[in-house]
N, C-alpha and C. Protein backbone atom coordinates (compact mmCIF):
# COMPACT_ATOMS: atom_id res chain seq x y z
N MET A 1 -28.68 26.14 5.65
CA MET A 1 -27.81 26.22 4.49
C MET A 1 -26.82 25.07 4.49
N GLU A 2 -26.61 24.49 3.32
CA GLU A 2 -25.74 23.34 3.17
C GLU A 2 -24.27 23.74 3.34
N LYS A 3 -23.55 22.94 4.13
CA LYS A 3 -22.14 23.24 4.37
C LYS A 3 -21.32 22.83 3.15
N VAL A 4 -20.52 23.78 2.65
CA VAL A 4 -19.64 23.53 1.50
C VAL A 4 -18.22 23.89 1.93
N ILE A 5 -17.28 23.03 1.59
CA ILE A 5 -15.87 23.30 1.88
C ILE A 5 -15.09 23.31 0.57
N LYS A 6 -13.92 23.90 0.62
CA LYS A 6 -13.05 23.94 -0.56
C LYS A 6 -11.72 23.29 -0.20
N LEU A 7 -11.30 22.32 -1.02
CA LEU A 7 -10.01 21.69 -0.89
C LEU A 7 -9.31 21.85 -2.24
N HIS A 8 -8.15 22.44 -2.21
CA HIS A 8 -7.43 22.78 -3.44
C HIS A 8 -8.36 23.55 -4.37
N ASP A 9 -8.66 22.99 -5.54
CA ASP A 9 -9.45 23.67 -6.55
C ASP A 9 -10.90 23.20 -6.62
N LYS A 10 -11.33 22.33 -5.69
CA LYS A 10 -12.67 21.74 -5.77
C LYS A 10 -13.50 22.07 -4.53
N ARG A 11 -14.81 22.10 -4.74
CA ARG A 11 -15.76 22.33 -3.65
C ARG A 11 -16.46 21.01 -3.35
N PHE A 12 -16.76 20.82 -2.05
CA PHE A 12 -17.38 19.60 -1.58
C PHE A 12 -18.53 19.93 -0.64
N ARG A 13 -19.57 19.09 -0.65
CA ARG A 13 -20.68 19.24 0.29
C ARG A 13 -20.84 17.92 1.07
N VAL A 14 -21.45 18.01 2.24
CA VAL A 14 -21.64 16.82 3.07
C VAL A 14 -22.53 15.80 2.34
N MET A 15 -22.07 14.58 2.30
CA MET A 15 -22.82 13.49 1.69
C MET A 15 -23.29 12.50 2.76
N ILE A 16 -22.39 12.19 3.71
CA ILE A 16 -22.72 11.22 4.76
C ILE A 16 -22.24 11.80 6.10
N PRO A 17 -23.17 12.09 6.99
CA PRO A 17 -22.79 12.66 8.29
C PRO A 17 -22.11 11.63 9.19
N ALA A 18 -21.32 12.11 10.14
CA ALA A 18 -20.55 11.25 11.03
C ALA A 18 -21.42 10.23 11.76
N ALA A 19 -22.62 10.60 12.18
CA ALA A 19 -23.49 9.67 12.91
C ALA A 19 -23.87 8.47 12.06
N LYS A 20 -24.11 8.67 10.78
CA LYS A 20 -24.45 7.56 9.88
C LYS A 20 -23.24 6.65 9.67
N ILE A 21 -22.06 7.25 9.59
CA ILE A 21 -20.84 6.46 9.46
C ILE A 21 -20.65 5.58 10.68
N ASP A 22 -20.80 6.17 11.87
CA ASP A 22 -20.62 5.43 13.12
C ASP A 22 -21.61 4.26 13.20
N GLU A 23 -22.83 4.50 12.79
CA GLU A 23 -23.84 3.44 12.79
C GLU A 23 -23.43 2.30 11.86
N ALA A 24 -22.94 2.63 10.66
CA ALA A 24 -22.52 1.62 9.70
C ALA A 24 -21.31 0.84 10.20
N VAL A 25 -20.39 1.52 10.88
CA VAL A 25 -19.21 0.85 11.45
C VAL A 25 -19.67 -0.14 12.52
N GLY A 26 -20.66 0.24 13.32
CA GLY A 26 -21.20 -0.66 14.35
C GLY A 26 -21.82 -1.91 13.76
N VAL A 27 -22.52 -1.78 12.66
CA VAL A 27 -23.14 -2.94 12.00
C VAL A 27 -22.07 -3.90 11.48
N VAL A 28 -21.03 -3.36 10.85
CA VAL A 28 -19.94 -4.20 10.35
C VAL A 28 -19.21 -4.88 11.51
N ALA A 29 -18.93 -4.13 12.58
CA ALA A 29 -18.27 -4.71 13.74
C ALA A 29 -19.07 -5.86 14.34
N ALA A 30 -20.38 -5.73 14.39
CA ALA A 30 -21.23 -6.80 14.92
C ALA A 30 -21.11 -8.08 14.08
N ARG A 31 -21.06 -7.91 12.76
CA ARG A 31 -20.88 -9.06 11.87
C ARG A 31 -19.52 -9.72 12.07
N ILE A 32 -18.48 -8.90 12.18
CA ILE A 32 -17.13 -9.44 12.40
C ILE A 32 -17.07 -10.12 13.76
N ASN A 33 -17.66 -9.52 14.80
CA ASN A 33 -17.69 -10.15 16.12
C ASN A 33 -18.33 -11.53 16.05
N ALA A 34 -19.43 -11.66 15.34
CA ALA A 34 -20.12 -12.95 15.22
C ALA A 34 -19.25 -13.96 14.46
N ASP A 35 -18.56 -13.51 13.41
CA ASP A 35 -17.77 -14.42 12.58
C ASP A 35 -16.44 -14.83 13.19
N TYR A 36 -15.83 -13.98 14.01
CA TYR A 36 -14.46 -14.23 14.48
C TYR A 36 -14.32 -14.48 15.97
N ARG A 37 -15.39 -14.42 16.70
CA ARG A 37 -15.32 -14.58 18.16
C ARG A 37 -14.59 -15.86 18.58
N GLN A 38 -14.75 -16.93 17.81
CA GLN A 38 -14.16 -18.22 18.17
C GLN A 38 -12.97 -18.61 17.28
N LYS A 39 -12.31 -17.64 16.65
CA LYS A 39 -11.26 -17.97 15.69
C LYS A 39 -9.87 -17.53 16.15
N GLY A 40 -9.55 -17.71 17.40
CA GLY A 40 -8.22 -17.36 17.85
C GLY A 40 -8.03 -15.85 17.89
N VAL A 41 -6.88 -15.41 17.44
CA VAL A 41 -6.53 -14.00 17.46
C VAL A 41 -6.28 -13.54 16.01
N PRO A 42 -7.33 -13.06 15.34
CA PRO A 42 -7.14 -12.62 13.95
C PRO A 42 -6.28 -11.36 13.86
N LEU A 43 -5.74 -11.15 12.68
CA LEU A 43 -4.93 -9.96 12.39
C LEU A 43 -5.72 -9.04 11.48
N PHE A 44 -5.94 -7.81 11.92
CA PHE A 44 -6.57 -6.78 11.10
C PHE A 44 -5.44 -5.99 10.44
N ILE A 45 -5.48 -5.90 9.12
CA ILE A 45 -4.46 -5.16 8.38
C ILE A 45 -5.12 -3.92 7.78
N GLY A 46 -4.77 -2.77 8.29
CA GLY A 46 -5.29 -1.51 7.79
C GLY A 46 -4.46 -1.01 6.62
N VAL A 47 -5.14 -0.54 5.58
CA VAL A 47 -4.45 -0.02 4.41
C VAL A 47 -4.36 1.51 4.56
N LEU A 48 -3.14 1.97 4.73
CA LEU A 48 -2.88 3.40 4.90
C LEU A 48 -2.87 4.12 3.57
N ASN A 49 -3.16 5.38 3.56
CA ASN A 49 -3.44 6.22 4.70
C ASN A 49 -4.94 6.24 5.01
N GLY A 50 -5.75 5.96 4.03
CA GLY A 50 -7.18 6.20 4.13
C GLY A 50 -7.94 5.45 5.20
N ALA A 51 -7.52 4.25 5.55
CA ALA A 51 -8.30 3.42 6.46
C ALA A 51 -8.03 3.67 7.93
N PHE A 52 -7.14 4.60 8.25
CA PHE A 52 -6.77 4.76 9.67
C PHE A 52 -7.94 5.14 10.55
N MET A 53 -8.83 6.01 10.12
CA MET A 53 -9.96 6.41 10.96
C MET A 53 -10.98 5.29 11.07
N PHE A 54 -11.26 4.63 9.96
CA PHE A 54 -12.20 3.51 9.95
C PHE A 54 -11.70 2.38 10.85
N LEU A 55 -10.43 2.00 10.69
CA LEU A 55 -9.89 0.92 11.51
C LEU A 55 -9.90 1.30 12.98
N SER A 56 -9.58 2.54 13.30
CA SER A 56 -9.58 2.99 14.68
C SER A 56 -10.98 2.84 15.31
N ASP A 57 -12.00 3.31 14.61
CA ASP A 57 -13.36 3.19 15.14
C ASP A 57 -13.86 1.76 15.14
N LEU A 58 -13.52 1.01 14.10
CA LEU A 58 -13.93 -0.40 14.02
C LEU A 58 -13.36 -1.22 15.16
N ILE A 59 -12.07 -1.07 15.41
CA ILE A 59 -11.40 -1.91 16.40
C ILE A 59 -11.91 -1.64 17.81
N LYS A 60 -12.42 -0.44 18.06
CA LYS A 60 -13.00 -0.12 19.37
C LYS A 60 -14.29 -0.90 19.61
N LYS A 61 -14.89 -1.40 18.55
CA LYS A 61 -16.15 -2.14 18.66
C LYS A 61 -15.95 -3.66 18.56
N ILE A 62 -14.70 -4.09 18.41
CA ILE A 62 -14.38 -5.52 18.33
C ILE A 62 -14.29 -6.08 19.74
N GLU A 63 -14.95 -7.23 19.97
CA GLU A 63 -15.13 -7.76 21.33
C GLU A 63 -14.29 -8.99 21.61
N PHE A 64 -13.19 -9.18 20.91
CA PHE A 64 -12.31 -10.33 21.13
C PHE A 64 -10.87 -9.87 20.94
N ASP A 65 -9.93 -10.70 21.36
CA ASP A 65 -8.51 -10.37 21.18
C ASP A 65 -8.17 -10.38 19.71
N CYS A 66 -7.37 -9.41 19.30
CA CYS A 66 -6.94 -9.32 17.91
C CYS A 66 -5.64 -8.54 17.85
N GLU A 67 -5.00 -8.59 16.71
CA GLU A 67 -3.80 -7.81 16.46
C GLU A 67 -4.07 -6.88 15.29
N ILE A 68 -3.29 -5.81 15.22
CA ILE A 68 -3.43 -4.82 14.17
C ILE A 68 -2.07 -4.57 13.54
N SER A 69 -2.07 -4.44 12.22
CA SER A 69 -0.88 -4.03 11.50
C SER A 69 -1.33 -3.14 10.36
N PHE A 70 -0.38 -2.54 9.67
CA PHE A 70 -0.71 -1.64 8.56
C PHE A 70 0.18 -1.92 7.37
N VAL A 71 -0.35 -1.65 6.20
CA VAL A 71 0.43 -1.61 4.97
C VAL A 71 0.08 -0.30 4.29
N LYS A 72 0.95 0.11 3.40
CA LYS A 72 0.67 1.34 2.66
C LYS A 72 0.78 1.04 1.18
N LEU A 73 -0.34 1.31 0.48
CA LEU A 73 -0.41 1.15 -0.95
C LEU A 73 -0.78 2.49 -1.56
N ALA A 74 -0.45 2.68 -2.82
CA ALA A 74 -0.86 3.90 -3.52
C ALA A 74 -1.40 3.53 -4.89
N SER A 75 -2.59 4.06 -5.22
CA SER A 75 -3.16 3.81 -6.55
C SER A 75 -3.92 5.01 -7.08
N TYR A 76 -3.92 6.12 -6.34
CA TYR A 76 -4.69 7.31 -6.75
C TYR A 76 -3.75 8.48 -7.01
N CYS A 77 -4.16 9.30 -7.94
CA CYS A 77 -3.52 10.58 -8.20
C CYS A 77 -4.65 11.58 -8.41
N GLY A 78 -4.78 12.56 -7.54
CA GLY A 78 -5.91 13.50 -7.64
C GLY A 78 -7.21 12.79 -7.34
N THR A 79 -8.16 12.84 -8.29
CA THR A 79 -9.47 12.24 -8.09
C THR A 79 -9.63 10.91 -8.83
N CYS A 80 -8.57 10.41 -9.45
CA CYS A 80 -8.69 9.21 -10.30
C CYS A 80 -7.72 8.12 -9.89
N SER A 81 -8.17 6.88 -10.06
CA SER A 81 -7.29 5.74 -9.86
C SER A 81 -6.32 5.69 -11.03
N THR A 82 -5.05 5.40 -10.73
CA THR A 82 -4.05 5.31 -11.78
C THR A 82 -4.08 3.97 -12.49
N GLY A 83 -4.76 2.97 -11.87
CA GLY A 83 -4.79 1.64 -12.45
C GLY A 83 -3.55 0.83 -12.09
N GLU A 84 -2.62 1.45 -11.41
CA GLU A 84 -1.38 0.79 -10.99
C GLU A 84 -1.28 0.87 -9.49
N VAL A 85 -0.96 -0.25 -8.84
CA VAL A 85 -0.86 -0.28 -7.38
C VAL A 85 0.62 -0.36 -7.01
N ARG A 86 1.03 0.55 -6.14
CA ARG A 86 2.42 0.54 -5.65
C ARG A 86 2.41 0.23 -4.16
N SER A 87 3.23 -0.73 -3.73
CA SER A 87 3.41 -1.02 -2.31
C SER A 87 4.45 -0.06 -1.77
N LEU A 88 4.07 0.71 -0.78
CA LEU A 88 4.98 1.69 -0.21
C LEU A 88 5.56 1.23 1.12
N ILE A 89 4.77 0.56 1.93
CA ILE A 89 5.22 0.01 3.19
C ILE A 89 4.64 -1.39 3.26
N GLY A 90 5.43 -2.36 3.64
CA GLY A 90 4.97 -3.74 3.65
C GLY A 90 4.62 -4.26 5.03
N LEU A 91 4.10 -5.45 5.05
CA LEU A 91 3.67 -6.14 6.26
C LEU A 91 4.86 -6.85 6.89
N ASN A 92 5.06 -6.69 8.18
CA ASN A 92 6.16 -7.34 8.88
C ASN A 92 5.71 -8.51 9.74
N ASN A 93 4.41 -8.66 9.97
CA ASN A 93 3.89 -9.72 10.82
C ASN A 93 3.82 -11.04 10.07
N PRO A 94 4.22 -12.15 10.71
CA PRO A 94 4.00 -13.47 10.07
C PRO A 94 2.50 -13.78 10.10
N ILE A 95 1.96 -14.25 8.97
CA ILE A 95 0.52 -14.50 8.91
C ILE A 95 0.19 -15.96 8.58
N GLU A 96 1.18 -16.81 8.42
CA GLU A 96 0.91 -18.21 8.09
C GLU A 96 -0.01 -18.83 9.13
N GLY A 97 -1.12 -19.43 8.65
CA GLY A 97 -2.08 -20.09 9.52
C GLY A 97 -2.99 -19.14 10.29
N ARG A 98 -2.89 -17.84 10.06
CA ARG A 98 -3.69 -16.86 10.79
C ARG A 98 -4.88 -16.42 9.96
N HIS A 99 -5.94 -16.01 10.64
CA HIS A 99 -7.08 -15.39 9.98
C HIS A 99 -6.75 -13.90 9.84
N VAL A 100 -6.94 -13.39 8.62
CA VAL A 100 -6.58 -12.01 8.30
C VAL A 100 -7.81 -11.27 7.80
N VAL A 101 -8.01 -10.05 8.29
CA VAL A 101 -9.06 -9.18 7.79
C VAL A 101 -8.39 -7.92 7.26
N ILE A 102 -8.48 -7.70 5.95
CA ILE A 102 -7.97 -6.49 5.33
C ILE A 102 -9.00 -5.39 5.55
N VAL A 103 -8.57 -4.24 6.07
CA VAL A 103 -9.48 -3.13 6.32
C VAL A 103 -9.12 -1.97 5.39
N GLU A 104 -10.03 -1.68 4.47
CA GLU A 104 -9.85 -0.62 3.46
C GLU A 104 -10.79 0.53 3.73
N ASP A 105 -10.41 1.71 3.27
CA ASP A 105 -11.32 2.86 3.35
C ASP A 105 -12.37 2.76 2.26
N ILE A 106 -11.94 2.43 1.04
CA ILE A 106 -12.86 2.38 -0.08
C ILE A 106 -12.39 1.33 -1.08
N VAL A 107 -13.32 0.56 -1.60
CA VAL A 107 -13.03 -0.37 -2.70
C VAL A 107 -13.74 0.18 -3.92
N ASP A 108 -12.92 0.55 -4.89
CA ASP A 108 -13.39 1.17 -6.12
C ASP A 108 -13.29 0.14 -7.24
N THR A 109 -12.25 0.16 -8.03
CA THR A 109 -12.07 -0.80 -9.13
C THR A 109 -11.68 -2.18 -8.63
N GLY A 110 -11.03 -2.24 -7.47
CA GLY A 110 -10.58 -3.51 -6.91
C GLY A 110 -9.11 -3.80 -7.16
N GLU A 111 -8.41 -2.90 -7.86
CA GLU A 111 -6.99 -3.12 -8.15
C GLU A 111 -6.17 -3.32 -6.89
N SER A 112 -6.35 -2.45 -5.89
CA SER A 112 -5.56 -2.54 -4.65
C SER A 112 -5.86 -3.82 -3.90
N ILE A 113 -7.13 -4.18 -3.81
CA ILE A 113 -7.51 -5.41 -3.09
C ILE A 113 -6.94 -6.63 -3.78
N GLU A 114 -7.06 -6.70 -5.10
CA GLU A 114 -6.51 -7.84 -5.83
C GLU A 114 -5.01 -7.95 -5.60
N HIS A 115 -4.31 -6.83 -5.67
CA HIS A 115 -2.87 -6.80 -5.44
C HIS A 115 -2.54 -7.32 -4.04
N MET A 116 -3.24 -6.81 -3.05
CA MET A 116 -2.97 -7.17 -1.66
C MET A 116 -3.29 -8.63 -1.37
N VAL A 117 -4.44 -9.09 -1.82
CA VAL A 117 -4.82 -10.49 -1.58
C VAL A 117 -3.81 -11.43 -2.21
N ARG A 118 -3.39 -11.12 -3.42
CA ARG A 118 -2.39 -11.95 -4.11
C ARG A 118 -1.10 -12.03 -3.28
N GLU A 119 -0.63 -10.90 -2.77
CA GLU A 119 0.58 -10.90 -1.95
C GLU A 119 0.38 -11.67 -0.63
N LEU A 120 -0.77 -11.49 0.01
CA LEU A 120 -1.03 -12.15 1.30
C LEU A 120 -1.21 -13.66 1.12
N GLU A 121 -1.86 -14.09 0.04
CA GLU A 121 -2.05 -15.53 -0.19
C GLU A 121 -0.73 -16.26 -0.26
N ALA A 122 0.31 -15.64 -0.75
CA ALA A 122 1.64 -16.26 -0.83
C ALA A 122 2.24 -16.50 0.54
N MET A 123 1.68 -15.87 1.59
CA MET A 123 2.15 -16.05 2.96
C MET A 123 1.35 -17.11 3.71
N HIS A 124 0.42 -17.76 3.04
CA HIS A 124 -0.36 -18.91 3.55
C HIS A 124 -1.15 -18.66 4.83
N PRO A 125 -2.01 -17.63 4.84
CA PRO A 125 -2.89 -17.43 5.99
C PRO A 125 -3.99 -18.48 6.00
N ALA A 126 -4.63 -18.65 7.15
CA ALA A 126 -5.78 -19.57 7.25
C ALA A 126 -6.93 -19.05 6.41
N SER A 127 -7.14 -17.72 6.42
CA SER A 127 -8.20 -17.10 5.63
C SER A 127 -7.89 -15.63 5.44
N ILE A 128 -8.48 -15.07 4.39
CA ILE A 128 -8.39 -13.63 4.14
C ILE A 128 -9.80 -13.14 3.85
N ARG A 129 -10.20 -12.13 4.58
CA ARG A 129 -11.47 -11.47 4.31
C ARG A 129 -11.23 -9.98 4.12
N VAL A 130 -12.12 -9.35 3.37
CA VAL A 130 -11.98 -7.92 3.07
C VAL A 130 -13.11 -7.15 3.72
N CYS A 131 -12.75 -6.09 4.42
CA CYS A 131 -13.70 -5.19 5.08
C CYS A 131 -13.45 -3.79 4.55
N THR A 132 -14.50 -3.12 4.08
CA THR A 132 -14.34 -1.77 3.59
C THR A 132 -15.42 -0.85 4.13
N LEU A 133 -15.03 0.38 4.35
CA LEU A 133 -16.01 1.38 4.77
C LEU A 133 -16.93 1.71 3.63
N PHE A 134 -16.36 1.96 2.45
CA PHE A 134 -17.15 2.31 1.26
C PHE A 134 -16.88 1.31 0.13
N PHE A 135 -17.94 0.90 -0.54
CA PHE A 135 -17.83 0.00 -1.67
C PHE A 135 -18.57 0.64 -2.84
N LYS A 136 -17.90 0.64 -4.00
CA LYS A 136 -18.48 1.19 -5.23
C LYS A 136 -18.79 0.03 -6.18
N PRO A 137 -19.97 -0.57 -6.05
CA PRO A 137 -20.29 -1.74 -6.89
C PRO A 137 -20.28 -1.42 -8.39
N GLY A 138 -20.58 -0.19 -8.77
CA GLY A 138 -20.59 0.19 -10.18
C GLY A 138 -19.20 0.28 -10.79
N SER A 139 -18.16 0.38 -9.96
CA SER A 139 -16.77 0.48 -10.43
C SER A 139 -16.00 -0.82 -10.27
N TYR A 140 -16.48 -1.68 -9.38
CA TYR A 140 -15.73 -2.89 -9.02
C TYR A 140 -15.67 -3.85 -10.20
N SER A 141 -14.45 -4.25 -10.59
CA SER A 141 -14.28 -5.12 -11.76
C SER A 141 -13.53 -6.41 -11.46
N LYS A 142 -13.35 -6.73 -10.19
CA LYS A 142 -12.60 -7.93 -9.81
C LYS A 142 -13.56 -8.99 -9.27
N HIS A 143 -13.01 -10.15 -8.92
CA HIS A 143 -13.85 -11.27 -8.45
C HIS A 143 -13.59 -11.62 -6.99
N ILE A 144 -12.74 -10.88 -6.32
CA ILE A 144 -12.48 -11.15 -4.91
C ILE A 144 -13.68 -10.67 -4.11
N PRO A 145 -14.23 -11.53 -3.24
CA PRO A 145 -15.40 -11.11 -2.47
C PRO A 145 -15.07 -9.99 -1.48
N ILE A 146 -15.96 -9.03 -1.39
CA ILE A 146 -15.84 -7.96 -0.40
C ILE A 146 -16.80 -8.35 0.72
N ASP A 147 -16.25 -8.99 1.74
CA ASP A 147 -17.05 -9.66 2.76
C ASP A 147 -17.82 -8.72 3.67
N TYR A 148 -17.22 -7.61 4.04
CA TYR A 148 -17.84 -6.67 4.97
C TYR A 148 -17.86 -5.29 4.32
N ARG A 149 -19.05 -4.80 4.02
CA ARG A 149 -19.25 -3.50 3.37
C ARG A 149 -20.07 -2.63 4.29
N ALA A 150 -19.47 -1.57 4.81
CA ALA A 150 -20.22 -0.69 5.70
C ALA A 150 -21.25 0.10 4.91
N LEU A 151 -20.83 0.73 3.81
CA LEU A 151 -21.73 1.56 3.02
C LEU A 151 -21.41 1.38 1.52
N GLU A 152 -22.45 1.30 0.70
CA GLU A 152 -22.26 1.28 -0.74
C GLU A 152 -22.59 2.65 -1.28
N ILE A 153 -21.76 3.11 -2.22
CA ILE A 153 -21.97 4.41 -2.84
C ILE A 153 -21.84 4.27 -4.35
N GLY A 154 -22.18 5.34 -5.05
CA GLY A 154 -22.02 5.37 -6.49
C GLY A 154 -20.58 5.69 -6.86
N ASN A 155 -20.39 6.21 -8.04
CA ASN A 155 -19.04 6.49 -8.52
C ASN A 155 -18.54 7.89 -8.20
N GLU A 156 -19.23 8.60 -7.29
CA GLU A 156 -18.80 9.95 -6.95
C GLU A 156 -17.46 9.93 -6.20
N PHE A 157 -16.76 11.06 -6.28
CA PHE A 157 -15.50 11.22 -5.57
C PHE A 157 -15.78 11.82 -4.20
N ILE A 158 -15.28 11.15 -3.15
CA ILE A 158 -15.57 11.58 -1.78
C ILE A 158 -14.28 11.84 -1.00
N VAL A 159 -14.41 12.68 0.04
CA VAL A 159 -13.31 12.96 0.96
C VAL A 159 -13.86 12.99 2.38
N GLY A 160 -12.95 12.90 3.33
CA GLY A 160 -13.33 12.95 4.74
C GLY A 160 -13.23 11.58 5.38
N TYR A 161 -13.20 11.56 6.71
CA TYR A 161 -13.12 10.33 7.48
C TYR A 161 -11.98 9.43 6.97
N GLY A 162 -10.84 10.05 6.73
CA GLY A 162 -9.66 9.32 6.28
C GLY A 162 -9.38 9.42 4.80
N LEU A 163 -10.41 9.69 3.99
CA LEU A 163 -10.21 9.80 2.55
C LEU A 163 -9.78 11.21 2.19
N ASP A 164 -8.96 11.35 1.15
CA ASP A 164 -8.40 12.65 0.84
C ASP A 164 -8.56 13.04 -0.63
N TYR A 165 -8.31 14.31 -0.85
CA TYR A 165 -8.13 14.84 -2.20
C TYR A 165 -6.73 15.48 -2.19
N ASP A 166 -5.79 14.81 -2.82
CA ASP A 166 -4.40 15.24 -2.80
C ASP A 166 -3.93 15.63 -1.40
N GLN A 167 -4.17 14.73 -0.46
CA GLN A 167 -3.73 14.77 0.94
C GLN A 167 -4.55 15.70 1.84
N LEU A 168 -5.54 16.40 1.34
CA LEU A 168 -6.38 17.23 2.19
C LEU A 168 -7.73 16.57 2.44
N GLY A 169 -8.31 16.83 3.61
CA GLY A 169 -9.65 16.38 3.93
C GLY A 169 -9.73 15.13 4.79
N ARG A 170 -8.62 14.46 5.04
CA ARG A 170 -8.65 13.22 5.83
C ARG A 170 -9.21 13.43 7.23
N ASN A 171 -9.03 14.61 7.79
CA ASN A 171 -9.41 14.91 9.17
C ASN A 171 -10.88 15.23 9.34
N LEU A 172 -11.64 15.32 8.29
CA LEU A 172 -13.06 15.68 8.39
C LEU A 172 -13.87 14.52 8.98
N LYS A 173 -14.76 14.81 9.91
CA LYS A 173 -15.54 13.74 10.55
C LYS A 173 -16.69 13.25 9.67
N ASP A 174 -17.20 14.12 8.80
CA ASP A 174 -18.25 13.73 7.86
C ASP A 174 -17.57 13.35 6.53
N VAL A 175 -18.34 12.73 5.64
CA VAL A 175 -17.85 12.44 4.30
C VAL A 175 -18.50 13.42 3.35
N TYR A 176 -17.68 13.99 2.50
CA TYR A 176 -18.10 15.02 1.55
C TYR A 176 -17.98 14.49 0.11
N VAL A 177 -18.85 15.00 -0.74
CA VAL A 177 -18.81 14.65 -2.16
C VAL A 177 -18.49 15.91 -2.94
N VAL A 178 -17.74 15.72 -4.02
CA VAL A 178 -17.40 16.85 -4.86
C VAL A 178 -18.66 17.42 -5.52
N THR A 179 -18.78 18.72 -5.55
CA THR A 179 -19.93 19.36 -6.21
C THR A 179 -19.53 19.70 -7.65
N GLU A 180 -20.50 19.84 -8.48
CA GLU A 180 -20.21 20.15 -9.91
C GLU A 180 -19.90 21.60 -10.11
């Protein structure tokens, strides 16, 4: 029988099991290891709250020295993007001349990534690359390259593995999709 959970007023079923997520994280980490092994000490910037689990698992698979920092942005209310990005906590690390990898939980429309890249470019890093656990190519409307994509999904609303529905579900090890 299929596992179904309830968060607030919605029901969700497993869409992507934890083992498949771990495998996808390993593939992305291998690509990053190949690209950054000889590039000094890059800075990984995790976008809170959603990317904390992904960044935690990703960084365990990174095979070179690196630094980690976090920023907090908000662009969702319930199950929908608001179209407006708010910076809630900012970056305190100097990044001029540094290689930066933004680590996101999900890239949907691209509003948050565009906002973040624009802010980071003003700090003159050597490079900025974007890494996301989930990418929604059918929703993405920006031109910033998404360099590292662990998994591509459709436009469904998902929770688990750091992603939430009004703050619930982040602790789930599998990823769940809302049922009709």
